[in-house]
Amino acid sequence: MNVIAPVTSPPEPAELKIRLDKIKAMMEKMGLDYYISAQTDNVYYLTNFAYFPMERPFFLIIPSSGAPTFVLPLLEISHAQERVLIDVSYRTYREFPAPAGLSHIDALKELIPAGARVGIETTLPVMHRDTIPGQVVATDLIDEARLVKSEYEIGRVAYACKIVEAGLAKVFELSRPGVQQFSIYSEGVRQMMGHIILEISGVNLLMTKAICAVWPGALSAQPHCVPGLFDSLQAGGPQVTIVTAQADGYSAELERTFFIGEIPESAKAPFFAMMEARALAFELIKPGVRAADVDRQVLDLIKARGFGDNILHRTGHGFGITGHEPPWIALGSENVLSENMIISIEPGIYIKGLGGFRHSDTVLVTKDGCRSMTSAPVELDDLVL
């Protein structure tokens, strides 16, 4: 099996042109004259530029032919020009709120004819949607374009995988009875961010973050609660790690259920059921398979093992620029898996008073199946510290 080489460099203009061409091809099929993106992750995907909009909106206006126009606040123009890696023209506005004739609304009216057919993201706030000229059609073309990753994107996610592996190693190094969550979090994040800052030249900190923590014991049955910083680890378990990273705009995660010193007898059956469900998911994932069918079979297995009342979430989700994006490996998903999608596999079992049981890996859909892009101990005997 070939090793995926981690990539830390910014995208080449040719990479971004392929992305923009995808959008224009979809626009042509839908009969759109313009497509407007205001969602920060989507704009980053197309331009390499990240920002915090706050009360000042940004709009990337993509015409059916020709170069896009970026509508943005005047104070952001130099920032954009340093980061944007595609050919665009710029139309600035003065402030928010702006005097009549100088606002972002005036800029939109200037750039888009009243009779145009205009696509917008479904996430565009109502306060902005009502200012878009023309016949507005809500459709998430960029989300669709982001589903299947290029070789470059796979390399960027592979680098993020390297970062979460370093974080998990630090968790295992530090975890022992009496160690506080604060120590694990601070040392783990420092390890991960240190790698990113030293290894990526010109890293964009607006698109970089890390989480490195342990959900201890019974608290791990609540996967989205927040442990106290001064909570101490105890012997036994289960303990569940959450190690995630967005490294200069590309994301991965690596989670493990582990034990300290001993394995409670009551933890063995749910652990092995989780492992069986995880193995089934790896077996089922391949191009052409409906994501909903994967989730259904995995959840059915967990129910058959007697843990149907202990299911809290789907089998997995997508990775790319963010750590949670399509495709959704969930019962209600309409996604069909394709080669070079990147997903998590993380079926979980959660038992009140005992804890949670979940491994999560970042997984690449391959030509005839799938492969984990993250590497860490998996078997119970290897997860007793």
Protein backbone atom coordinates (compact mmCIF):
# COMPACT_ATOMS: atom_id res chain seq x y z
CA MET A 1 0.00 0.00 0.00
CA ASN A 2 1.46 3.35 -1.04
CA VAL A 3 2.11 5.90 1.68
CA ILE A 4 0.26 9.19 1.20
CA ALA A 5 2.83 11.98 1.26
CA PRO A 6 1.85 14.88 3.56
CA VAL A 7 1.60 18.26 1.82
CA THR A 8 2.17 21.62 3.55
CA SER A 9 2.41 24.03 0.60
CA PRO A 10 -0.39 26.36 -0.54
CA PRO A 11 -2.40 25.30 -3.60
CA GLU A 12 -1.06 26.06 -7.04
CA PRO A 13 -3.20 28.35 -9.25
CA ALA A 14 -3.97 25.32 -11.45
CA GLU A 15 -5.50 23.51 -8.45
CA LEU A 16 -7.77 26.47 -7.70
CA LYS A 17 -8.70 26.83 -11.37
CA ILE A 18 -9.96 23.22 -11.39
CA ARG A 19 -12.17 24.03 -8.40
CA LEU A 20 -13.55 27.16 -10.01
CA ASP A 21 -14.17 25.32 -13.28
CA LYS A 22 -16.21 22.73 -11.36
CA ILE A 23 -18.46 25.49 -10.05
CA LYS A 24 -18.90 27.06 -13.48
CA ALA A 25 -19.79 23.70 -15.01
CA MET A 26 -22.50 23.21 -12.38
CA MET A 27 -23.71 26.78 -12.93
CA GLU A 28 -24.10 26.06 -16.63
CA LYS A 29 -26.23 22.98 -15.92
CA MET A 30 -28.49 25.04 -13.65
CA GLY A 31 -28.70 28.02 -15.99
CA LEU A 32 -27.11 30.40 -13.47
CA ASP A 33 -25.64 33.72 -14.58
CA TYR A 34 -23.84 34.25 -11.26
CA TYR A 35 -23.03 32.32 -8.11
CA ILE A 36 -22.36 34.14 -4.83
CA SER A 37 -20.33 32.61 -2.02
CA ALA A 38 -20.22 34.28 1.39
CA GLN A 39 -19.44 31.23 3.53
CA THR A 40 -15.87 31.57 4.79
CA ASP A 41 -14.82 27.94 4.25
CA ASN A 42 -16.15 27.96 0.69
CA VAL A 43 -14.38 31.21 -0.14
CA TYR A 44 -11.16 29.75 1.28
CA TYR A 45 -11.64 26.62 -0.84
CA LEU A 46 -11.82 28.71 -4.03
CA THR A 47 -9.31 31.47 -3.25
CA ASN A 48 -6.99 30.47 -0.35
CA PHE A 49 -8.24 33.56 1.54
CA ALA A 50 -9.69 33.27 5.06
CA TYR A 51 -11.32 36.00 7.13
CA PHE A 52 -13.71 36.75 10.00
CA PRO A 53 -16.67 38.63 8.52
CA MET A 54 -18.19 39.86 11.81
CA GLU A 55 -20.69 42.59 10.82
CA ARG A 56 -18.87 43.33 7.55
CA PRO A 57 -19.95 40.83 4.85
CA PHE A 58 -17.73 39.41 2.11
CA PHE A 59 -19.11 38.17 -1.22
CA LEU A 60 -17.24 36.22 -3.90
CA ILE A 61 -19.28 36.77 -7.08
CA ILE A 62 -18.62 34.14 -9.73
CA PRO A 63 -19.95 34.96 -13.22
CA SER A 64 -20.80 32.28 -15.77
CA SER A 65 -17.81 33.52 -17.78
CA GLY A 66 -14.80 35.60 -16.82
CA ALA A 67 -13.04 36.19 -13.53
CA PRO A 68 -14.81 36.48 -10.16
CA THR A 69 -15.25 39.74 -8.28
CA PHE A 70 -14.62 40.01 -4.56
CA VAL A 71 -16.87 42.44 -2.67
CA LEU A 72 -15.22 43.18 0.67
CA PRO A 73 -14.64 45.93 3.24
CA LEU A 74 -12.02 48.50 2.33
CA LEU A 75 -9.96 47.69 5.43
CA GLU A 76 -9.53 44.05 4.21
CA ILE A 77 -8.26 44.77 0.68
CA SER A 78 -4.53 44.45 1.44
CA HIS A 79 -5.13 41.29 3.48
CA ALA A 80 -7.06 39.72 0.60
CA GLN A 81 -4.49 40.68 -2.02
CA GLU A 82 -1.75 38.92 -0.02
CA ARG A 83 -3.71 35.64 0.28
CA VAL A 84 -5.97 35.29 -2.77
CA LEU A 85 -4.35 32.97 -5.33
CA ILE A 86 -6.82 33.27 -8.23
CA ASP A 87 -7.47 36.09 -10.67
CA VAL A 88 -10.16 38.32 -9.21
CA SER A 89 -11.21 41.93 -9.38
CA TYR A 90 -12.01 43.77 -6.17
CA ARG A 91 -14.96 45.98 -5.30
CA THR A 92 -14.64 47.52 -1.85
CA TYR A 93 -17.21 49.24 0.29
CA ARG A 94 -16.52 51.78 3.02
CA GLU A 95 -17.93 50.46 6.31
CA PHE A 96 -20.89 48.93 8.01
CA PRO A 97 -23.21 50.67 8.29
CA ALA A 98 -22.22 52.82 5.32
CA PRO A 99 -23.69 56.02 3.90
CA ALA A 100 -26.09 55.69 0.98
CA GLY A 101 -24.26 54.73 -2.20
CA LEU A 102 -21.19 53.32 -0.42
CA SER A 103 -22.47 50.06 1.11
CA HIS A 104 -22.06 46.40 0.14
CA ILE A 105 -25.67 46.47 -1.06
CA ASP A 106 -24.81 49.20 -3.56
CA ALA A 107 -21.83 47.14 -4.73
CA LEU A 108 -24.01 44.07 -5.33
CA LYS A 109 -26.54 46.10 -7.32
CA GLU A 110 -23.72 47.54 -9.41
CA LEU A 111 -22.24 44.11 -10.24
CA ILE A 112 -25.36 41.96 -10.75
CA PRO A 113 -28.12 42.89 -13.22
CA ALA A 114 -31.66 42.89 -11.86
CA GLY A 115 -32.74 40.21 -14.35
CA ALA A 116 -29.90 37.77 -13.65
CA ARG A 117 -30.40 34.24 -12.33
CA VAL A 118 -28.22 34.11 -9.20
CA GLY A 119 -27.21 31.08 -7.13
CA ILE A 120 -26.52 31.53 -3.43
CA GLU A 121 -25.54 29.24 -0.55
CA THR A 122 -28.34 27.95 1.64
CA THR A 123 -26.39 29.22 4.67
CA LEU A 124 -26.53 32.86 3.52
CA PRO A 125 -28.24 34.85 6.31
CA VAL A 126 -31.67 36.26 5.53
CA MET A 127 -30.38 39.81 6.12
CA HIS A 128 -28.00 39.32 3.17
CA ARG A 129 -30.22 37.12 1.04
CA ASP A 130 -32.80 39.90 0.81
CA THR A 131 -30.16 42.25 -0.66
CA ILE A 132 -29.15 39.99 -3.59
CA PRO A 133 -30.32 41.35 -6.94
CA GLY A 134 -31.95 39.14 -9.58
CA GLN A 135 -33.77 35.82 -9.39
CA VAL A 136 -32.22 34.01 -6.42
CA VAL A 137 -31.74 30.23 -6.34
CA ALA A 138 -30.46 28.59 -3.12
CA THR A 139 -28.08 25.73 -4.00
CA ASP A 140 -24.84 24.53 -2.38
CA LEU A 141 -22.64 24.04 -5.43
CA ILE A 142 -19.36 24.52 -3.58
CA ASP A 143 -20.28 21.96 -0.92
CA GLU A 144 -20.87 19.50 -3.75
CA ALA A 145 -17.57 20.38 -5.39
CA ARG A 146 -15.74 19.78 -2.11
CA LEU A 147 -17.01 16.20 -1.71
CA VAL A 148 -14.33 14.45 -3.79
CA LYS A 149 -10.76 15.44 -2.95
CA SER A 150 -7.91 16.08 -5.36
CA GLU A 151 -4.47 14.54 -4.88
CA TYR A 152 -3.35 17.86 -3.41
CA GLU A 153 -6.20 17.92 -0.88
CA ILE A 154 -5.53 14.33 0.14
CA GLY A 155 -1.93 15.31 0.83
CA ARG A 156 -3.07 18.25 2.96
CA VAL A 157 -5.38 16.00 5.01
CA ALA A 158 -2.53 13.48 5.31
CA TYR A 159 -0.48 16.21 6.98
CA ALA A 160 -3.33 16.93 9.41
CA CYS A 161 -3.36 13.19 10.17
CA LYS A 162 0.31 13.40 11.11
CA ILE A 163 -0.56 16.20 13.54
CA VAL A 164 -3.36 14.29 15.30
CA GLU A 165 -1.12 11.24 15.60
CA ALA A 166 1.40 13.42 17.46
CA GLY A 167 -1.39 14.69 19.71
CA LEU A 168 -2.64 11.21 20.56
CA ALA A 169 0.90 10.07 21.35
CA LYS A 170 1.18 12.93 23.83
CA VAL A 171 -2.16 11.93 25.43
CA PHE A 172 -0.92 8.38 25.95
CA GLU A 173 2.39 9.64 27.32
CA LEU A 174 0.70 11.82 29.94
CA SER A 175 -2.34 9.75 30.94
CA ARG A 176 -2.07 8.20 34.39
CA PRO A 177 -4.11 8.42 37.61
CA GLY A 178 -4.14 11.92 39.10
CA VAL A 179 -3.14 13.81 35.94
CA GLN A 180 -5.40 16.79 35.34
CA GLN A 181 -7.18 17.52 32.08
CA PHE A 182 -5.42 20.89 31.95
CA SER A 183 -2.01 19.20 31.64
CA ILE A 184 -3.14 16.90 28.85
CA TYR A 185 -4.88 19.66 26.91
CA SER A 186 -2.11 22.25 27.23
CA GLU A 187 0.75 19.87 26.47
CA GLY A 188 -1.10 18.12 23.64
CA VAL A 189 -2.16 21.32 21.90
CA ARG A 190 1.32 22.78 22.31
CA GLN A 191 2.79 19.67 20.68
CA MET A 192 0.36 19.83 17.75
CA MET A 193 0.52 23.58 17.17
CA GLY A 194 4.29 23.54 17.49
CA HIS A 195 4.55 21.11 14.59
CA ILE A 196 2.17 23.15 12.44
CA ILE A 197 3.84 26.50 13.07
CA LEU A 198 7.34 25.15 12.44
CA GLU A 199 6.48 22.97 9.45
CA ILE A 200 4.10 25.17 7.42
CA SER A 201 5.67 28.32 6.05
CA GLY A 202 3.31 31.29 6.35
CA VAL A 203 0.66 29.26 8.20
CA ASN A 204 -2.73 30.97 8.29
CA LEU A 205 -3.73 30.99 11.95
CA LEU A 206 -7.32 31.87 11.04
CA MET A 207 -7.54 28.37 9.54
CA THR A 208 -5.53 26.54 12.19
CA LYS A 209 -6.64 25.03 15.49
CA ALA A 210 -6.21 21.91 17.61
CA ILE A 211 -8.04 20.02 20.35
CA CYS A 212 -6.30 17.37 22.45
CA ALA A 213 -8.29 16.08 25.40
CA VAL A 214 -9.56 13.03 27.29
CA TRP A 215 -13.17 12.41 28.27
CA PRO A 216 -12.53 10.39 31.47
CA GLY A 217 -14.50 7.46 32.82
CA ALA A 218 -18.27 7.83 33.05
CA LEU A 219 -18.09 11.34 31.56
CA SER A 220 -17.13 9.76 28.24
CA ALA A 221 -20.76 8.65 27.88
CA GLN A 222 -21.47 12.31 27.03
CA PRO A 223 -19.30 12.78 23.92
CA HIS A 224 -20.08 16.48 23.45
CA CYS A 225 -19.86 17.64 27.05
CA VAL A 226 -16.76 19.54 28.18
CA PRO A 227 -14.55 18.07 30.93
CA GLY A 228 -13.36 20.45 33.64
CA LEU A 229 -9.79 21.61 33.18
CA PHE A 230 -8.88 20.41 36.67
CA ASP A 231 -10.68 17.06 36.49
CA SER A 232 -8.23 14.23 37.22
CA LEU A 233 -7.92 10.92 35.43
CA GLN A 234 -8.64 7.81 37.48
CA ALA A 235 -7.57 4.20 37.07
CA GLY A 236 -9.71 1.99 34.87
CA GLY A 237 -11.95 3.47 32.23
CA PRO A 238 -13.11 3.76 29.58
CA GLN A 239 -11.30 7.00 28.77
CA VAL A 240 -12.03 8.46 25.30
CA THR A 241 -9.67 10.84 23.53
CA ILE A 242 -10.75 13.63 21.22
CA VAL A 243 -7.79 14.74 19.13
CA THR A 244 -8.61 16.97 16.16
CA ALA A 245 -6.65 19.43 14.05
CA GLN A 246 -7.23 21.96 11.31
CA ALA A 247 -3.75 22.51 9.91
CA ASP A 248 -3.65 25.61 7.71
CA GLY A 249 -7.12 24.84 6.39
CA TYR A 250 -7.31 21.04 6.24
CA SER A 251 -8.64 18.78 8.97
CA ALA A 252 -8.40 15.32 10.53
CA GLU A 253 -9.27 13.53 13.75
CA LEU A 254 -8.05 10.54 15.72
CA GLU A 255 -9.91 9.16 18.73
CA ARG A 256 -9.34 6.10 20.91
CA THR A 257 -10.99 4.40 23.86
CA PHE A 258 -8.33 3.39 26.36
CA PHE A 259 -7.90 2.21 29.93
CA ILE A 260 -5.44 2.99 32.74
CA GLY A 261 -4.06 0.05 34.65
CA GLU A 262 -7.11 -2.20 34.45
CA ILE A 263 -10.18 -3.00 32.36
CA PRO A 264 -13.49 -3.15 34.23
CA GLU A 265 -15.29 -6.37 33.35
CA SER A 266 -18.42 -4.38 32.44
CA ALA A 267 -16.42 -2.50 29.77
CA LYS A 268 -15.40 -5.51 27.71
CA ALA A 269 -18.69 -6.34 25.96
CA PRO A 270 -19.40 -2.79 24.74
CA PHE A 271 -15.77 -2.36 23.69
CA PHE A 272 -15.84 -5.50 21.55
CA ALA A 273 -19.25 -4.57 20.10
CA MET A 274 -17.86 -1.17 19.09
CA MET A 275 -14.87 -2.87 17.50
CA GLU A 276 -17.12 -5.22 15.55
CA ALA A 277 -19.21 -2.28 14.30
CA ARG A 278 -16.05 -0.41 13.33
CA ALA A 279 -14.74 -3.42 11.38
CA LEU A 280 -18.06 -3.72 9.55
CA ALA A 281 -17.91 -0.05 8.55
CA PHE A 282 -14.41 -0.51 7.12
CA GLU A 283 -15.68 -3.53 5.20
CA LEU A 284 -18.71 -1.70 3.77
CA ILE A 285 -17.08 1.59 2.71
CA LYS A 286 -16.37 1.61 -1.03
CA PRO A 287 -17.28 3.64 -4.12
CA GLY A 288 -20.91 3.38 -5.23
CA VAL A 289 -22.28 2.51 -1.78
CA ARG A 290 -24.98 4.70 -0.27
CA ALA A 291 -23.77 6.32 2.93
CA ALA A 292 -27.16 5.74 4.57
CA ASP A 293 -26.90 1.99 3.89
CA VAL A 294 -23.53 1.85 5.66
CA ASP A 295 -24.95 3.58 8.72
CA ARG A 296 -28.01 1.34 8.77
CA GLN A 297 -25.99 -1.88 8.76
CA VAL A 298 -23.52 -0.63 11.36
CA LEU A 299 -26.28 0.53 13.72
CA ASP A 300 -28.17 -2.73 13.19
CA LEU A 301 -25.10 -4.64 14.32
CA ILE A 302 -24.82 -2.54 17.48
CA LYS A 303 -28.52 -3.19 18.19
CA ALA A 304 -28.05 -6.93 17.60
CA ARG A 305 -25.30 -6.94 20.24
CA GLY A 306 -27.74 -5.53 22.77
CA PHE A 307 -26.67 -1.88 22.75
CA GLY A 308 -29.44 -0.32 20.68
CA ASP A 309 -30.37 2.04 23.53
CA ASN A 310 -26.78 3.25 23.74
CA ILE A 311 -26.46 4.77 20.26
CA LEU A 312 -26.10 8.57 20.12
CA HIS A 313 -24.77 9.34 16.65
CA ARG A 314 -24.07 8.30 13.06
CA THR A 315 -21.19 6.15 11.82
CA GLY A 316 -19.18 9.03 10.37
CA HIS A 317 -18.84 12.34 8.54
CA GLY A 318 -16.61 13.98 5.96
CA PHE A 319 -13.33 15.85 6.30
CA GLY A 320 -11.68 18.48 4.17
CA ILE A 321 -11.30 22.14 4.99
CA THR A 322 -13.44 21.55 8.06
CA GLY A 323 -13.68 18.66 10.50
CA HIS A 324 -17.41 18.10 9.91
CA GLU A 325 -18.72 18.29 6.35
CA PRO A 326 -20.38 16.06 3.74
CA PRO A 327 -20.49 13.21 2.99
CA TRP A 328 -22.55 12.23 6.03
CA ILE A 329 -22.44 8.52 6.91
CA ALA A 330 -25.91 8.73 8.41
CA LEU A 331 -29.38 7.26 7.95
CA GLY A 332 -30.79 10.44 6.42
CA SER A 333 -27.88 11.03 4.05
CA GLU A 334 -28.35 11.21 0.29
CA ASN A 335 -24.60 10.90 -0.33
CA VAL A 336 -23.21 8.07 -2.45
CA LEU A 337 -19.57 7.29 -1.74
CA SER A 338 -16.94 7.96 -4.39
CA GLU A 339 -13.22 7.36 -4.68
CA ASN A 340 -11.17 10.07 -2.95
CA MET A 341 -13.83 11.13 -0.49
CA ILE A 342 -12.44 11.41 3.05
CA ILE A 343 -14.59 10.40 6.00
CA SER A 344 -14.47 9.36 9.63
CA ILE A 345 -15.38 5.88 10.80
CA GLU A 346 -16.52 6.20 14.42
CA PRO A 347 -19.49 4.11 15.53
CA GLY A 348 -20.00 4.60 19.26
CA ILE A 349 -21.69 3.02 22.26
CA TYR A 350 -22.49 5.19 25.32
CA ILE A 351 -23.56 3.75 28.66
CA LYS A 352 -24.59 6.08 31.49
CA GLY A 353 -22.54 5.48 34.61
CA LEU A 354 -19.92 3.45 32.73
CA GLY A 355 -18.69 5.53 29.80
CA GLY A 356 -18.28 5.75 26.04
CA PHE A 357 -16.70 3.39 23.56
CA ARG A 358 -15.51 4.95 20.30
CA HIS A 359 -12.48 4.82 18.04
CA SER A 360 -12.38 7.39 15.23
CA ASP A 361 -10.07 7.42 12.24
CA THR A 362 -9.72 9.65 9.20
CA VAL A 363 -10.39 7.35 6.25
CA LEU A 364 -9.85 7.66 2.48
CA VAL A 365 -12.31 5.99 0.10
CA THR A 366 -10.17 4.13 -2.45
CA LYS A 367 -10.85 2.56 -5.84
CA ASP A 368 -12.11 -0.69 -4.35
CA GLY A 369 -12.62 -0.01 -0.64
CA CYS A 370 -11.09 2.30 1.95
CA ARG A 371 -7.95 2.82 4.02
CA SER A 372 -7.24 4.60 7.26
CA MET A 373 -5.09 7.70 6.93
CA THR A 374 -4.47 7.73 10.70
CA SER A 375 -2.49 5.17 12.63
CA ALA A 376 -2.75 4.33 16.34
CA PRO A 377 -3.27 1.29 18.58
CA VAL A 378 -6.65 -0.36 18.06
CA GLU A 379 -6.87 -3.61 20.03
CA LEU A 380 -7.86 -3.74 23.69
CA ASP A 381 -4.57 -5.22 24.93
CA ASP A 382 -2.69 -2.35 23.32
CA LEU A 383 -4.95 0.29 24.89
CA VAL A 384 -4.26 -0.44 28.56
CA LEU A 385 -1.73 2.12 29.73
